[in-house]
N, C-alpha and C. Protein backbone atom coordinates (compact mmCIF):
# COMPACT_ATOMS: atom_id res chain seq x y z
N MET A 1 0.90 -0.98 -0.07
CA MET A 1 0.04 -0.01 0.02
C MET A 1 0.90 1.24 0.15
N ALA A 2 0.40 2.14 -0.93
CA ALA A 2 1.34 3.48 -0.81
C ALA A 2 1.26 4.14 0.44
N GLU A 3 2.54 4.79 0.96
CA GLU A 3 2.47 5.54 2.09
C GLU A 3 2.10 7.05 1.82
N MET A 4 1.37 7.65 2.67
CA MET A 4 0.97 8.86 2.44
C MET A 4 2.09 9.68 3.02
N ASN A 5 2.04 10.98 2.65
CA ASN A 5 3.10 11.96 2.84
C ASN A 5 2.42 13.01 3.45
N ASN A 6 2.23 12.99 5.08
CA ASN A 6 1.49 14.27 5.67
C ASN A 6 2.10 15.46 5.43
N ASN A 7 3.34 15.49 4.74
CA ASN A 7 3.98 16.75 4.93
C ASN A 7 3.89 17.30 3.42
N ALA A 8 3.29 16.65 2.50
CA ALA A 8 3.21 17.35 0.98
C ALA A 8 2.14 18.37 1.22
N VAL A 9 2.31 19.41 0.05
CA VAL A 9 1.61 20.60 -0.24
C VAL A 9 0.85 19.95 -1.58
N GLU A 10 -0.56 20.34 -1.20
CA GLU A 10 -1.60 20.10 -2.31
C GLU A 10 -2.02 21.54 -2.81
N TYR A 11 -1.80 21.70 -4.17
CA TYR A 11 -2.37 22.95 -4.65
C TYR A 11 -4.04 22.47 -5.05
N THR A 12 -4.62 23.66 -4.75
CA THR A 12 -6.17 23.43 -5.24
C THR A 12 -6.35 23.97 -6.80
N THR A 13 -7.70 23.73 -7.40
CA THR A 13 -7.79 24.36 -8.36
C THR A 13 -7.59 25.88 -8.40
N TYR A 14 -8.26 26.57 -7.43
CA TYR A 14 -7.96 27.73 -6.93
C TYR A 14 -6.59 28.23 -7.13
N ASP A 15 -5.65 27.64 -6.85
CA ASP A 15 -4.14 28.17 -6.60
C ASP A 15 -3.60 27.71 -8.10
N ARG A 16 -3.88 26.98 -8.56
CA ARG A 16 -3.44 26.90 -9.91
C ARG A 16 -3.86 27.49 -10.81
N LEU A 17 -5.27 28.24 -10.74
CA LEU A 17 -5.60 29.25 -11.54
C LEU A 17 -5.01 30.67 -11.57
N LEU A 18 -5.02 30.73 -10.15
CA LEU A 18 -4.03 32.07 -9.74
C LEU A 18 -2.58 32.04 -10.21
N ARG A 19 -2.21 30.81 -10.05
CA ARG A 19 -0.68 30.76 -10.67
C ARG A 19 -0.43 31.02 -12.14
N ALA A 20 -1.63 30.33 -12.64
CA ALA A 20 -1.72 30.85 -14.44
C ALA A 20 -1.93 31.95 -14.63
N TRP A 21 -2.83 32.78 -13.97
CA TRP A 21 -3.26 33.85 -14.29
C TRP A 21 -2.41 34.79 -14.48
N GLU A 22 -1.30 34.86 -12.95
CA GLU A 22 -0.27 35.68 -12.78
C GLU A 22 0.90 35.32 -13.92
N ASN A 23 1.13 33.98 -14.23
CA ASN A 23 2.25 33.81 -15.19
C ASN A 23 1.64 34.57 -16.73
N SER A 24 0.51 34.58 -16.88
CA SER A 24 -0.09 35.06 -18.18
C SER A 24 0.41 36.30 -18.44
N MET A 25 -0.25 37.02 -17.21
CA MET A 25 -0.14 38.52 -17.07
C MET A 25 1.65 39.17 -17.29
N GLU A 26 2.11 37.91 -16.84
CA GLU A 26 3.68 38.43 -16.83
C GLU A 26 4.14 38.37 -18.40
N MET A 27 3.57 37.25 -18.70
CA MET A 27 3.91 37.22 -20.37
C MET A 27 3.37 38.33 -21.22
N VAL A 28 2.13 38.90 -20.87
CA VAL A 28 1.66 39.95 -21.42
C VAL A 28 2.59 41.40 -21.60
N ARG A 29 3.02 41.28 -20.19
CA ARG A 29 4.13 42.69 -20.17
C ARG A 29 5.27 42.21 -20.73
N ASP A 30 5.76 41.15 -20.46
CA ASP A 30 7.29 40.94 -21.48
C ASP A 30 6.98 41.02 -23.01
N TYR A 31 5.90 40.52 -23.57
CA TYR A 31 5.67 40.61 -24.94
C TYR A 31 5.69 41.73 -25.35
N GLU A 32 4.74 42.94 -24.57
CA GLU A 32 4.52 44.16 -24.87
C GLU A 32 6.07 45.08 -24.82
N MET A 33 6.80 44.60 -23.66
CA MET A 33 7.92 45.24 -23.46
C MET A 33 9.03 45.12 -24.81
N TYR A 34 9.09 43.62 -25.03
CA TYR A 34 9.87 42.94 -26.38
C TYR A 34 9.39 43.74 -27.43
N SER A 35 7.89 44.05 -27.83
CA SER A 35 7.58 44.60 -28.95
C SER A 35 8.01 46.19 -29.16
N LYS A 36 8.22 46.88 -27.93
CA LYS A 36 8.59 48.28 -27.73
C LYS A 36 10.37 48.28 -28.07
N ARG A 37 10.95 47.23 -27.88
CA ARG A 37 12.52 47.55 -27.91
C ARG A 37 12.89 47.05 -29.29
N ILE A 38 12.28 46.27 -30.15
CA ILE A 38 12.74 45.71 -31.28
C ILE A 38 12.36 46.38 -32.66
N GLU A 39 13.39 46.50 -33.38
CA GLU A 39 13.14 47.27 -34.36
C GLU A 39 12.70 46.67 -35.67
N ASP A 40 13.08 45.37 -35.63
CA ASP A 40 12.61 44.62 -36.97
C ASP A 40 11.07 44.60 -36.69
N GLU A 41 10.20 44.96 -37.91
CA GLU A 41 8.76 45.36 -37.99
C GLU A 41 8.31 43.83 -37.74
N LYS A 42 8.61 42.85 -38.38
CA LYS A 42 8.10 41.54 -38.52
C LYS A 42 8.16 41.06 -37.01
N VAL A 43 9.22 41.25 -36.53
CA VAL A 43 9.25 40.67 -35.04
C VAL A 43 8.41 41.51 -34.19
N LYS A 44 8.72 42.64 -34.35
CA LYS A 44 7.71 43.54 -33.23
C LYS A 44 6.10 43.32 -33.40
N GLU A 45 5.55 43.04 -34.65
CA GLU A 45 4.31 42.85 -34.79
C GLU A 45 3.81 41.47 -34.33
N THR A 46 4.82 40.36 -34.43
CA THR A 46 4.72 39.30 -33.60
C THR A 46 4.43 39.36 -32.29
N PHE A 47 5.37 40.20 -31.64
CA PHE A 47 5.35 39.90 -30.12
C PHE A 47 4.31 40.97 -29.43
N LYS A 48 3.65 41.90 -30.76
CA LYS A 48 2.20 42.68 -30.22
C LYS A 48 1.20 41.62 -30.15
N ARG A 49 1.29 40.81 -31.30
CA ARG A 49 0.32 39.85 -31.44
C ARG A 49 0.10 39.02 -30.40
N PHE A 50 1.15 38.53 -29.89
CA PHE A 50 1.40 37.48 -28.67
C PHE A 50 1.08 38.06 -27.59
N ALA A 51 1.26 39.47 -27.49
CA ALA A 51 0.97 40.22 -26.04
C ALA A 51 -0.71 40.22 -25.98
N GLU A 52 -1.58 40.56 -27.29
CA GLU A 52 -2.88 40.57 -27.26
C GLU A 52 -3.44 39.30 -27.26
N GLU A 53 -2.94 38.25 -27.61
CA GLU A 53 -3.40 36.88 -27.51
C GLU A 53 -3.45 36.17 -26.32
N GLU A 54 -2.19 36.77 -25.67
CA GLU A 54 -1.85 36.25 -24.22
C GLU A 54 -2.91 36.85 -23.29
N GLY A 55 -2.98 38.17 -23.77
CA GLY A 55 -4.07 39.26 -22.83
C GLY A 55 -5.61 38.45 -22.76
N LEU A 56 -6.07 37.97 -23.97
CA LEU A 56 -7.05 36.93 -23.93
C LEU A 56 -7.25 35.73 -22.96
N HIS A 57 -5.90 35.38 -23.03
CA HIS A 57 -5.79 34.18 -22.17
C HIS A 57 -5.88 34.42 -20.68
N ALA A 58 -5.10 35.78 -20.23
CA ALA A 58 -5.20 36.29 -18.74
C ALA A 58 -6.74 36.69 -18.41
N THR A 59 -7.43 36.96 -19.67
CA THR A 59 -8.81 37.44 -19.29
C THR A 59 -9.57 36.30 -18.98
N GLU A 60 -9.70 35.33 -19.61
CA GLU A 60 -10.24 34.14 -19.24
C GLU A 60 -9.91 33.29 -17.95
N LEU A 61 -8.60 33.36 -17.89
CA LEU A 61 -8.23 32.82 -16.75
C LEU A 61 -8.67 33.58 -15.49
N ARG A 62 -8.51 34.92 -15.55
CA ARG A 62 -9.01 35.97 -14.33
C ARG A 62 -10.79 35.43 -14.20
N GLU A 63 -11.54 35.48 -15.11
CA GLU A 63 -12.86 35.27 -14.92
C GLU A 63 -13.38 33.85 -14.40
N LEU A 64 -12.65 32.93 -14.75
CA LEU A 64 -12.56 31.61 -14.08
C LEU A 64 -12.21 31.56 -12.77
N LEU A 65 -11.04 32.47 -12.36
CA LEU A 65 -10.53 32.55 -11.01
C LEU A 65 -11.68 33.17 -10.10
N LEU A 66 -12.21 34.24 -10.69
CA LEU A 66 -13.04 35.01 -9.99
C LEU A 66 -14.52 34.07 -9.66
N GLN A 67 -14.96 33.30 -10.72
CA GLN A 67 -15.74 32.28 -10.61
C GLN A 67 -15.62 31.24 -9.60
N TYR A 68 -14.33 30.85 -9.32
CA TYR A 68 -14.03 29.69 -8.78
C TYR A 68 -14.08 30.10 -7.34
N LYS A 69 -13.83 31.41 -6.90
CA LYS A 69 -13.50 31.87 -5.53
C LYS A 69 -14.82 32.23 -4.89
N LYS A 70 -15.95 32.04 -5.77
CA LYS A 70 -17.39 32.26 -5.29
C LYS A 70 -17.58 31.34 -4.63
């Protein structure tokens, strides 16, 4: 029989949503910063698009986070 570890830390769904949302917001900031520091237009536009797309992910994660908190 498997031994139980009473010292193990368990992550809840809320914990995982919060972490994913925080990571997503950080990626938005990073992509925006990259797009402002790069001169190559193709790369700049790619990072702008990534920031927008990641912003959608962050928004969806935040909505789930707020729903789960209730």
